Amino acid sequence: MPTISQFYGIYILLYPREHNPPHFHVRYSGFKASVNIRNGEILAGKLPIKARSLTEEWRLIHQKELLQAWDMMLKFEKVKKIPGLE
Protein backbone atom coordinates (compact mmCIF):
# COMPACT_ATOMS: atom_id res chain seq x y z
CA MET A 1 0.00 0.00 0.00
CA PRO A 2 2.32 2.77 -1.12
CA THR A 3 -0.43 5.43 -1.58
CA ILE A 4 -0.53 7.46 1.63
CA SER A 5 -2.72 10.34 0.46
CA GLN A 6 -4.94 11.39 -2.41
CA PHE A 7 -6.56 14.74 -3.24
CA TYR A 8 -7.70 16.56 -6.39
CA GLY A 9 -6.42 13.72 -8.57
CA ILE A 10 -2.98 13.89 -6.95
CA TYR A 11 -1.60 10.64 -5.52
CA ILE A 12 1.14 10.71 -2.87
CA LEU A 13 3.16 7.50 -2.51
CA LEU A 14 5.94 6.13 -0.33
CA TYR A 15 7.83 3.06 -1.48
CA PRO A 16 9.63 0.59 0.79
CA ARG A 17 13.39 0.18 0.40
CA GLU A 18 13.89 3.79 -0.64
CA HIS A 19 17.04 5.87 -0.40
CA ASN A 20 17.83 9.18 1.28
CA PRO A 21 16.99 12.02 1.27
CA PRO A 22 13.51 11.45 2.70
CA HIS A 23 11.10 11.95 -0.17
CA PHE A 24 7.70 11.01 -1.53
CA HIS A 25 6.45 10.32 -5.01
CA VAL A 26 3.66 12.25 -6.70
CA ARG A 27 1.49 11.08 -9.59
CA TYR A 28 -0.92 13.38 -11.34
CA SER A 29 -2.54 13.02 -14.77
CA GLY A 30 0.39 11.20 -16.38
CA PHE A 31 3.03 13.30 -14.59
CA LYS A 32 5.41 11.87 -11.98
CA ALA A 33 7.80 13.54 -9.56
CA SER A 34 9.83 12.79 -6.45
CA VAL A 35 9.71 15.53 -3.78
CA ASN A 36 12.08 16.09 -0.87
CA ILE A 37 10.06 16.03 2.36
CA ARG A 38 12.28 18.53 4.17
CA ASN A 39 12.54 21.34 1.60
CA GLY A 40 10.00 20.58 -1.14
CA GLU A 41 12.64 20.36 -3.87
CA ILE A 42 11.65 18.23 -6.86
CA LEU A 43 14.34 15.57 -7.03
CA ALA A 44 13.15 13.98 -10.28
CA GLY A 45 10.33 14.43 -12.77
CA LYS A 46 7.96 17.35 -13.06
CA LEU A 47 4.41 18.44 -12.26
CA PRO A 48 2.07 21.05 -13.75
CA ILE A 49 2.13 24.33 -11.81
CA LYS A 50 -1.27 23.82 -10.11
CA ALA A 51 -0.46 20.26 -9.00
CA ARG A 52 2.97 21.42 -7.81
CA SER A 53 1.41 24.22 -5.78
CA LEU A 54 -1.19 21.93 -4.17
CA THR A 55 1.46 19.32 -3.41
CA GLU A 56 3.68 21.92 -1.75
CA GLU A 57 0.78 23.25 0.35
CA TRP A 58 0.02 19.69 1.45
CA ARG A 59 3.72 18.97 2.20
CA LEU A 60 4.01 22.03 4.43
CA ILE A 61 0.90 21.08 6.40
CA HIS A 62 1.93 17.44 6.84
CA GLN A 63 5.74 17.60 6.96
CA LYS A 64 6.00 16.14 10.47
CA GLU A 65 3.65 13.26 9.57
CA LEU A 66 5.59 12.64 6.35
CA LEU A 67 8.88 12.34 8.21
CA GLN A 68 7.27 9.94 10.68
CA ALA A 69 5.86 7.91 7.78
CA TRP A 70 9.32 7.84 6.15
CA ASP A 71 10.85 6.43 9.36
CA MET A 72 8.07 3.85 9.70
CA MET A 73 8.47 2.82 6.07
CA LEU A 74 12.22 2.27 6.53
CA LYS A 75 11.42 -0.04 9.45
CA PHE A 76 8.86 -1.90 7.30
CA GLU A 77 6.12 -0.82 9.70
CA LYS A 78 2.61 -0.07 8.48
CA VAL A 79 2.38 3.55 7.33
CA LYS A 80 -0.78 5.44 8.21
CA LYS A 81 -2.71 7.39 5.59
CA ILE A 82 -2.31 11.16 5.74
CA PRO A 83 -5.33 13.37 5.03
CA GLY A 84 -5.41 15.25 1.75
CA LEU A 85 -6.31 18.88 1.19
CA GLU A 86 -9.97 19.77 1.64
C-alpha atoms as a PDB file:
ATOM      1  CA  MET A   1       0.000   0.000   0.000  1.00  0.00           C
ATOM      2  CA  PRO A   2       2.322   2.768  -1.119  1.00  0.00           C
ATOM      3  CA  THR A   3      -0.428   5.434  -1.581  1.00  0.00           C
ATOM      4  CA  ILE A   4      -0.529   7.461   1.632  1.00  0.00           C
ATOM      5  CA  SER A   5      -2.722  10.340   0.462  1.00  0.00           C
ATOM      6  CA  GLN A   6      -4.943  11.392  -2.406  1.00  0.00           C
ATOM      7  CA  PHE A   7      -6.560  14.743  -3.237  1.00  0.00           C
ATOM      8  CA  TYR A   8      -7.699  16.558  -6.390  1.00  0.00           C
ATOM      9  CA  GLY A   9      -6.418  13.716  -8.573  1.00  0.00           C
ATOM     10  CA  ILE A  10      -2.976  13.887  -6.948  1.00  0.00           C
ATOM     11  CA  TYR A  11      -1.598  10.644  -5.520  1.00  0.00           C
ATOM     12  CA  ILE A  12       1.137  10.713  -2.869  1.00  0.00           C
ATOM     13  CA  LEU A  13       3.157   7.504  -2.513  1.00  0.00           C
ATOM     14  CA  LEU A  14       5.938   6.128  -0.326  1.00  0.00           C
ATOM     15  CA  TYR A  15       7.833   3.057  -1.484  1.00  0.00           C
ATOM     16  CA  PRO A  16       9.627   0.591   0.787  1.00  0.00           C
ATOM     17  CA  ARG A  17      13.385   0.177   0.400  1.00  0.00           C
ATOM     18  CA  GLU A  18      13.888   3.790  -0.637  1.00  0.00           C
ATOM     19  CA  HIS A  19      17.041   5.872  -0.399  1.00  0.00           C
ATOM     20  CA  ASN A  20      17.827   9.180   1.278  1.00  0.00           C
ATOM     21  CA  PRO A  21      16.991  12.023   1.275  1.00  0.00           C
ATOM     22  CA  PRO A  22      13.515  11.451   2.697  1.00  0.00           C
ATOM     23  CA  HIS A  23      11.095  11.950  -0.169  1.00  0.00           C
ATOM     24  CA  PHE A  24       7.703  11.011  -1.530  1.00  0.00           C
ATOM     25  CA  HIS A  25       6.446  10.320  -5.010  1.00  0.00           C
ATOM     26  CA  VAL A  26       3.655  12.251  -6.700  1.00  0.00           C
ATOM     27  CA  ARG A  27       1.493  11.080  -9.589  1.00  0.00           C
ATOM     28  CA  TYR A  28      -0.921  13.376 -11.343  1.00  0.00           C
ATOM     29  CA  SER A  29      -2.539  13.023 -14.769  1.00  0.00           C
ATOM     30  CA  GLY A  30       0.391  11.196 -16.377  1.00  0.00           C
ATOM     31  CA  PHE A  31       3.031  13.299 -14.586  1.00  0.00           C
ATOM     32  CA  LYS A  32       5.408  11.873 -11.982  1.00  0.00           C
ATOM     33  CA  ALA A  33       7.797  13.536  -9.558  1.00  0.00           C
ATOM     34  CA  SER A  34       9.829  12.793  -6.448  1.00  0.00           C
ATOM     35  CA  VAL A  35       9.708  15.527  -3.782  1.00  0.00           C
ATOM     36  CA  ASN A  36      12.085  16.092  -0.873  1.00  0.00           C
ATOM     37  CA  ILE A  37      10.064  16.025   2.359  1.00  0.00           C
ATOM     38  CA  ARG A  38      12.276  18.532   4.169  1.00  0.00           C
ATOM     39  CA  ASN A  39      12.537  21.336   1.603  1.00  0.00           C
ATOM     40  CA  GLY A  40      10.005  20.575  -1.136  1.00  0.00           C
ATOM     41  CA  GLU A  41      12.636  20.356  -3.874  1.00  0.00           C
ATOM     42  CA  ILE A  42      11.648  18.233  -6.859  1.00  0.00           C
ATOM     43  CA  LEU A  43      14.338  15.568  -7.031  1.00  0.00           C
ATOM     44  CA  ALA A  44      13.150  13.984 -10.281  1.00  0.00           C
ATOM     45  CA  GLY A  45      10.328  14.426 -12.768  1.00  0.00           C
ATOM     46  CA  LYS A  46       7.959  17.350 -13.063  1.00  0.00           C
ATOM     47  CA  LEU A  47       4.410  18.441 -12.262  1.00  0.00           C
ATOM     48  CA  PRO A  48       2.072  21.047 -13.748  1.00  0.00           C
ATOM     49  CA  ILE A  49       2.127  24.328 -11.805  1.00  0.00           C
ATOM     50  CA  LYS A  50      -1.265  23.822 -10.108  1.00  0.00           C
ATOM     51  CA  ALA A  51      -0.460  20.258  -9.005  1.00  0.00           C
ATOM     52  CA  ARG A  52       2.969  21.419  -7.814  1.00  0.00           C
ATOM     53  CA  SER A  53       1.406  24.224  -5.779  1.00  0.00           C
ATOM     54  CA  LEU A  54      -1.189  21.931  -4.170  1.00  0.00           C
ATOM     55  CA  THR A  55       1.457  19.321  -3.405  1.00  0.00           C
ATOM     56  CA  GLU A  56       3.677  21.924  -1.755  1.00  0.00           C
ATOM     57  CA  GLU A  57       0.782  23.247   0.346  1.00  0.00           C
ATOM     58  CA  TRP A  58       0.021  19.691   1.449  1.00  0.00           C
ATOM     59  CA  ARG A  59       3.719  18.966   2.203  1.00  0.00           C
ATOM     60  CA  LEU A  60       4.009  22.025   4.429  1.00  0.00           C
ATOM     61  CA  ILE A  61       0.897  21.077   6.397  1.00  0.00           C
ATOM     62  CA  HIS A  62       1.935  17.435   6.843  1.00  0.00           C
ATOM     63  CA  GLN A  63       5.739  17.604   6.956  1.00  0.00           C
ATOM     64  CA  LYS A  64       6.000  16.142  10.465  1.00  0.00           C
ATOM     65  CA  GLU A  65       3.647  13.265   9.571  1.00  0.00           C
ATOM     66  CA  LEU A  66       5.588  12.642   6.348  1.00  0.00           C
ATOM     67  CA  LEU A  67       8.882  12.342   8.206  1.00  0.00           C
ATOM     68  CA  GLN A  68       7.270   9.942  10.683  1.00  0.00           C
ATOM     69  CA  ALA A  69       5.858   7.910   7.778  1.00  0.00           C
ATOM     70  CA  TRP A  70       9.319   7.837   6.155  1.00  0.00           C
ATOM     71  CA  ASP A  71      10.852   6.434   9.363  1.00  0.00           C
ATOM     72  CA  MET A  72       8.069   3.854   9.698  1.00  0.00           C
ATOM     73  CA  MET A  73       8.473   2.825   6.065  1.00  0.00           C
ATOM     74  CA  LEU A  74      12.222   2.273   6.534  1.00  0.00           C
ATOM     75  CA  LYS A  75      11.424  -0.045   9.453  1.00  0.00           C
ATOM     76  CA  PHE A  76       8.858  -1.902   7.304  1.00  0.00           C
ATOM     77  CA  GLU A  77       6.116  -0.820   9.698  1.00  0.00           C
ATOM     78  CA  LYS A  78       2.610  -0.073   8.480  1.00  0.00           C
ATOM     79  CA  VAL A  79       2.381   3.545   7.335  1.00  0.00           C
ATOM     80  CA  LYS A  80      -0.777   5.440   8.206  1.00  0.00           C
ATOM     81  CA  LYS A  81      -2.714   7.388   5.593  1.00  0.00           C
ATOM     82  CA  ILE A  82      -2.308  11.163   5.742  1.00  0.00           C
ATOM     83  CA  PRO A  83      -5.332  13.374   5.032  1.00  0.00           C
ATOM     84  CA  GLY A  84      -5.409  15.253   1.750  1.00  0.00           C
ATOM     85  CA  LEU A  85      -6.314  18.876   1.187  1.00  0.00           C
ATOM     86  CA  GLU A  86      -9.968  19.774   1.642  1.00  0.00           C
END
